């Protein structure tokens, strides 16, 4: 069943989203060649707790850290540790918070130092795919209108969307109905209604869309070793169009 949120609940989620927004700004200050993903994890957790929120990922199904830090060919769920960021890398930072019984979830991909134009283009198209998906999160549209907008923009620019990982509803639980795939035909799936909250998260690969997990059972990587990029926002469906709760 898809949960419909009240205005009060949406306001709670928006305040949680603002914590994530500010934490991403903090990450942007710290991301540079030589910093470790473990250090980013420590800084993010301290920031969240100082704002009265709990890192939503820590302990979730046994996940050992507060953020996911996925570098280059790592698609999502990279576990922070001693690895240092290098000039030319990209790193996807995925974070969630829990506060007053509600979740917010978002991801940003950052350039580390100077990156190639090809890498920058992948980041640009992934961000645009997110924006196009969000624009379809309107009352009266169907769920797969979001999916189609993302897939069309990705593939028309020469990239593939990951299919085994999808976005999701979010609210009192980190993952709620409905699933939000980044591919599909328009006009299908549930009708979008005011009060729905969705985590929309395109994952675009420079090569094949196929991915595998590493031995840690968490980190997804592209099978061909080519770059992947990930952006995500928590979005509310309202009578006046989509409201991005994590910006």
Protein backbone atom coordinates (compact mmCIF):
# COMPACT_ATOMS: atom_id res chain seq x y z
CA UNK A 1 0.00 0.00 0.00
CA UNK A 2 1.25 3.48 -0.86
CA UNK A 3 1.28 5.79 2.16
CA UNK A 4 -0.15 9.29 1.74
CA UNK A 5 1.46 11.89 3.99
CA UNK A 6 -0.31 14.73 5.75
CA UNK A 7 0.92 18.32 5.53
CA UNK A 8 2.40 17.94 9.01
CA UNK A 9 4.28 14.82 7.97
CA UNK A 10 5.53 16.46 4.78
CA UNK A 11 6.85 19.35 6.87
CA UNK A 12 8.75 16.91 9.09
CA UNK A 13 10.27 15.26 6.02
CA UNK A 14 11.19 18.65 4.57
CA UNK A 15 13.07 19.57 7.75
CA UNK A 16 14.89 16.25 7.58
CA UNK A 17 15.68 16.92 3.95
CA UNK A 18 17.21 20.25 4.93
CA UNK A 19 19.60 18.42 7.24
CA UNK A 20 20.73 16.33 4.28
CA UNK A 21 21.02 19.43 2.09
CA UNK A 22 23.31 21.07 4.62
CA UNK A 23 25.30 17.86 5.14
CA UNK A 24 25.96 17.67 1.39
CA UNK A 25 27.28 21.21 1.53
CA UNK A 26 29.63 20.03 4.28
CA UNK A 27 30.73 17.08 2.13
CA UNK A 28 31.46 19.43 -0.76
CA UNK A 29 33.86 21.35 1.48
CA UNK A 30 35.74 18.17 2.39
CA UNK A 31 35.91 16.25 -0.89
CA UNK A 32 39.38 16.60 -2.38
CA UNK A 33 42.30 14.36 -3.39
CA UNK A 34 43.77 12.59 -0.36
CA UNK A 35 40.71 12.53 1.89
CA UNK A 36 39.46 9.05 2.79
CA UNK A 37 35.90 7.89 2.46
CA UNK A 38 36.05 6.87 6.11
CA UNK A 39 36.78 10.48 7.06
CA UNK A 40 33.78 11.64 5.04
CA UNK A 41 31.67 9.09 6.88
CA UNK A 42 32.83 10.37 10.28
CA UNK A 43 32.16 14.00 9.38
CA UNK A 44 28.70 13.21 8.01
CA UNK A 45 27.65 11.23 11.06
CA UNK A 46 28.82 13.94 13.44
CA UNK A 47 26.96 16.54 11.39
CA UNK A 48 23.69 14.57 11.36
CA UNK A 49 23.77 13.86 15.08
CA UNK A 50 24.56 17.49 15.88
CA UNK A 51 21.34 18.40 14.05
CA UNK A 52 19.31 15.91 16.09
CA UNK A 53 19.04 13.24 13.41
CA UNK A 54 20.13 9.61 13.29
CA UNK A 55 22.15 8.34 10.30
CA UNK A 56 19.50 6.22 8.62
CA UNK A 57 21.88 3.85 6.89
CA UNK A 58 23.95 2.82 9.91
CA UNK A 59 22.86 -0.67 10.90
CA UNK A 60 20.16 -0.79 8.20
CA UNK A 61 20.05 -4.48 7.25
CA UNK A 62 23.52 -4.66 8.80
CA UNK A 63 25.11 -1.85 6.79
CA UNK A 64 28.24 -0.80 8.73
CA UNK A 65 28.49 2.95 7.99
CA UNK A 66 26.53 6.22 7.99
CA UNK A 67 26.98 7.04 4.31
CA UNK A 68 27.58 5.17 1.09
CA UNK A 69 30.65 6.37 -0.82
CA UNK A 70 30.88 4.89 -4.32
CA UNK A 71 33.92 5.71 -6.47
CA UNK A 72 34.14 5.61 -10.28
CA UNK A 73 32.87 2.18 -11.43
CA UNK A 74 31.10 1.66 -8.09
CA UNK A 75 27.41 2.28 -8.71
CA UNK A 76 25.99 2.43 -5.18
CA UNK A 77 26.46 1.14 -1.62
CA UNK A 78 30.23 1.59 -1.47
CA UNK A 79 31.36 1.11 2.13
CA UNK A 80 33.54 3.95 3.48
CA UNK A 81 37.01 3.07 4.75
CA UNK A 82 40.69 3.82 4.30
CA UNK A 83 40.56 4.39 0.54
CA UNK A 84 41.77 7.85 -0.46
CA UNK A 85 40.10 9.88 -3.18
CA UNK A 86 42.36 10.59 -6.15
CA UNK A 87 42.49 13.48 -8.57
CA UNK A 88 40.13 12.67 -11.45
CA UNK A 89 37.84 10.39 -9.44
CA UNK A 90 34.13 10.86 -9.03
CA UNK A 91 32.49 9.83 -5.77
CA UNK A 92 28.80 9.27 -5.17
CA UNK A 93 27.78 10.12 -1.62
CA UNK A 94 24.41 8.63 -0.65
CA UNK A 95 22.95 9.62 2.73
CA UNK A 96 19.78 9.26 4.73
CA UNK A 97 18.52 10.62 8.04
CA UNK A 98 15.85 9.55 10.49
CA UNK A 99 14.28 12.14 12.77
CA UNK A 100 10.91 12.29 14.54
CA UNK A 101 9.85 9.02 12.92
CA UNK A 102 10.43 10.00 9.29
CA UNK A 103 13.20 9.44 6.76
CA UNK A 104 14.82 11.51 4.04
CA UNK A 105 17.22 10.10 1.45
CA UNK A 106 19.40 11.73 -1.21
CA UNK A 107 22.62 11.29 -3.17
CA UNK A 108 25.11 13.55 -4.90
CA UNK A 109 28.07 12.68 -7.11
CA UNK A 110 31.14 14.89 -6.78
CA UNK A 111 34.17 15.51 -8.93
CA UNK A 112 37.48 15.02 -7.12
CA UNK A 113 40.01 17.53 -8.40
CA UNK A 114 40.13 17.83 -12.18
CA UNK A 115 38.01 15.34 -14.12
CA UNK A 116 37.79 14.60 -17.83
CA UNK A 117 35.17 16.17 -20.07
CA UNK A 118 33.71 12.70 -20.67
CA UNK A 119 33.24 12.23 -16.95
CA UNK A 120 31.75 15.68 -16.55
CA UNK A 121 29.27 14.92 -19.34
CA UNK A 122 28.11 11.75 -17.58
CA UNK A 123 27.51 13.74 -14.40
CA UNK A 124 25.63 16.44 -16.30
CA UNK A 125 23.31 14.00 -18.06
CA UNK A 126 22.63 12.06 -14.85
CA UNK A 127 21.66 15.28 -13.06
CA UNK A 128 19.44 16.28 -15.97
CA UNK A 129 17.82 12.83 -15.93
CA UNK A 130 16.98 13.33 -12.24
CA UNK A 131 15.50 16.75 -13.00
CA UNK A 132 13.39 15.34 -15.83
CA UNK A 133 12.16 12.51 -13.65
CA UNK A 134 11.25 14.89 -10.84
CA UNK A 135 9.31 17.10 -13.25
CA UNK A 136 6.99 14.17 -13.97
CA UNK A 137 6.22 13.62 -10.25
CA UNK A 138 2.91 15.42 -10.56
CA UNK A 139 -0.56 14.51 -9.35
CA UNK A 140 -2.46 12.89 -12.22
CA UNK A 141 0.62 11.44 -13.91
CA UNK A 142 1.49 7.76 -13.74
CA UNK A 143 4.55 6.42 -11.94
CA UNK A 144 6.29 5.28 -15.11
CA UNK A 145 6.08 8.78 -16.57
CA UNK A 146 9.00 9.41 -14.19
CA UNK A 147 10.74 6.24 -15.34
CA UNK A 148 10.34 6.99 -19.04
CA UNK A 149 11.65 10.55 -18.71
CA UNK A 150 14.82 9.30 -17.01
CA UNK A 151 15.45 6.46 -19.46
CA UNK A 152 14.78 8.58 -22.53
CA UNK A 153 17.23 11.29 -21.49
CA UNK A 154 19.92 8.79 -20.52
CA UNK A 155 19.74 6.65 -23.64
CA UNK A 156 19.41 9.58 -26.05
CA UNK A 157 22.77 10.74 -24.69
CA UNK A 158 24.48 7.37 -25.04
CA UNK A 159 24.20 6.08 -21.46
CA UNK A 160 22.48 3.09 -19.90
CA UNK A 161 20.28 3.09 -16.80
CA UNK A 162 20.85 0.42 -14.18
CA UNK A 163 17.76 -1.80 -13.99
CA UNK A 164 18.33 -4.05 -10.99
CA UNK A 165 18.33 -1.05 -8.64
CA UNK A 166 15.43 1.37 -8.41
CA UNK A 167 14.04 4.32 -6.51
CA UNK A 168 11.34 3.91 -3.90
CA UNK A 169 8.65 5.38 -1.76
CA UNK A 170 9.85 6.81 1.54
CA UNK A 171 8.34 8.12 4.77
CA UNK A 172 7.99 6.28 8.05
CA UNK A 173 10.15 3.60 6.44
CA UNK A 174 13.28 4.01 4.37
CA UNK A 175 11.84 1.85 1.61
CA UNK A 176 8.11 1.93 0.99
CA UNK A 177 5.83 1.26 -1.95
CA UNK A 178 5.99 2.02 -4.79
CA UNK A 179 9.24 1.06 -6.43
CA UNK A 180 10.39 3.76 -8.86
CA UNK A 181 12.33 2.20 -11.76
CA UNK A 182 14.48 4.36 -14.01
CA UNK A 183 13.13 2.71 -17.16
CA UNK A 184 9.78 1.79 -18.62
CA UNK A 185 6.94 2.87 -20.88
CA UNK A 186 4.97 5.98 -19.90
CA UNK A 187 1.40 5.90 -18.61
CA UNK A 188 1.77 2.77 -16.48
CA UNK A 189 1.86 1.98 -12.78
CA UNK A 190 0.03 3.75 -9.94
CA UNK A 191 -1.55 7.13 -10.45
CA UNK A 192 0.45 9.79 -8.61
CA UNK A 193 -1.52 11.56 -5.86
CA UNK A 194 -0.96 14.48 -3.53
CA UNK A 195 0.94 13.38 -0.42
CA UNK A 196 3.01 10.64 -2.04
CA UNK A 197 6.74 10.88 -1.30
CA UNK A 198 9.27 9.29 -3.62
CA UNK A 199 13.04 8.83 -3.62
CA UNK A 200 13.89 9.30 -7.29
CA UNK A 201 17.41 8.13 -8.10
CA UNK A 202 18.76 7.61 -11.61
CA UNK A 203 21.94 5.52 -11.86
CA UNK A 204 23.59 5.94 -15.27
CA UNK A 205 26.47 3.86 -16.62
CA UNK A 206 28.93 4.94 -19.29
CA UNK A 207 29.03 1.38 -20.63
CA UNK A 208 26.76 -1.60 -20.11
CA UNK A 209 23.86 -1.38 -17.69
CA UNK A 210 24.87 -4.68 -16.09
CA UNK A 211 26.22 -4.61 -12.53
CA UNK A 212 27.52 -7.10 -9.97
CA UNK A 213 28.20 -6.99 -6.25
CA UNK A 214 31.66 -7.21 -4.73
CA UNK A 215 32.63 -9.72 -2.07
CA UNK A 216 31.48 -7.33 0.66
CA UNK A 217 27.90 -8.10 -0.53
CA UNK A 218 27.08 -4.38 -0.58
CA UNK A 219 29.06 -2.57 -3.26
CA UNK A 220 27.56 -2.67 -6.76
CA UNK A 221 30.02 -2.14 -9.63
CA UNK A 222 29.70 -2.02 -13.39
CA UNK A 223 30.67 -5.34 -14.98
CA UNK A 224 32.84 -3.61 -17.59
CA UNK A 225 34.62 -1.33 -15.12
CA UNK A 226 33.29 1.84 -16.75
CA UNK A 227 32.05 4.84 -14.79
CA UNK A 228 28.68 5.11 -13.09
CA UNK A 229 26.94 8.18 -11.73
CA UNK A 230 24.11 8.51 -9.19
CA UNK A 231 21.92 11.41 -8.09
CA UNK A 232 18.88 11.21 -5.83
CA UNK A 233 16.31 13.43 -4.15
CA UNK A 234 13.29 12.86 -1.94
CA UNK A 235 10.29 14.43 -3.66
CA UNK A 236 6.72 15.14 -2.55
CA UNK A 237 3.80 15.07 -4.96
CA UNK A 238 1.60 18.12 -4.35
CA UNK A 239 -1.31 19.88 -6.06
CA UNK A 240 1.18 22.51 -7.24
CA UNK A 241 3.70 20.10 -8.73
CA UNK A 242 6.72 18.29 -7.29
CA UNK A 243 8.39 19.68 -4.17
CA UNK A 244 11.99 18.57 -3.63
CA UNK A 245 12.36 17.94 0.10
CA UNK A 246 16.13 17.43 0.06
CA UNK A 247 17.21 20.77 -1.48
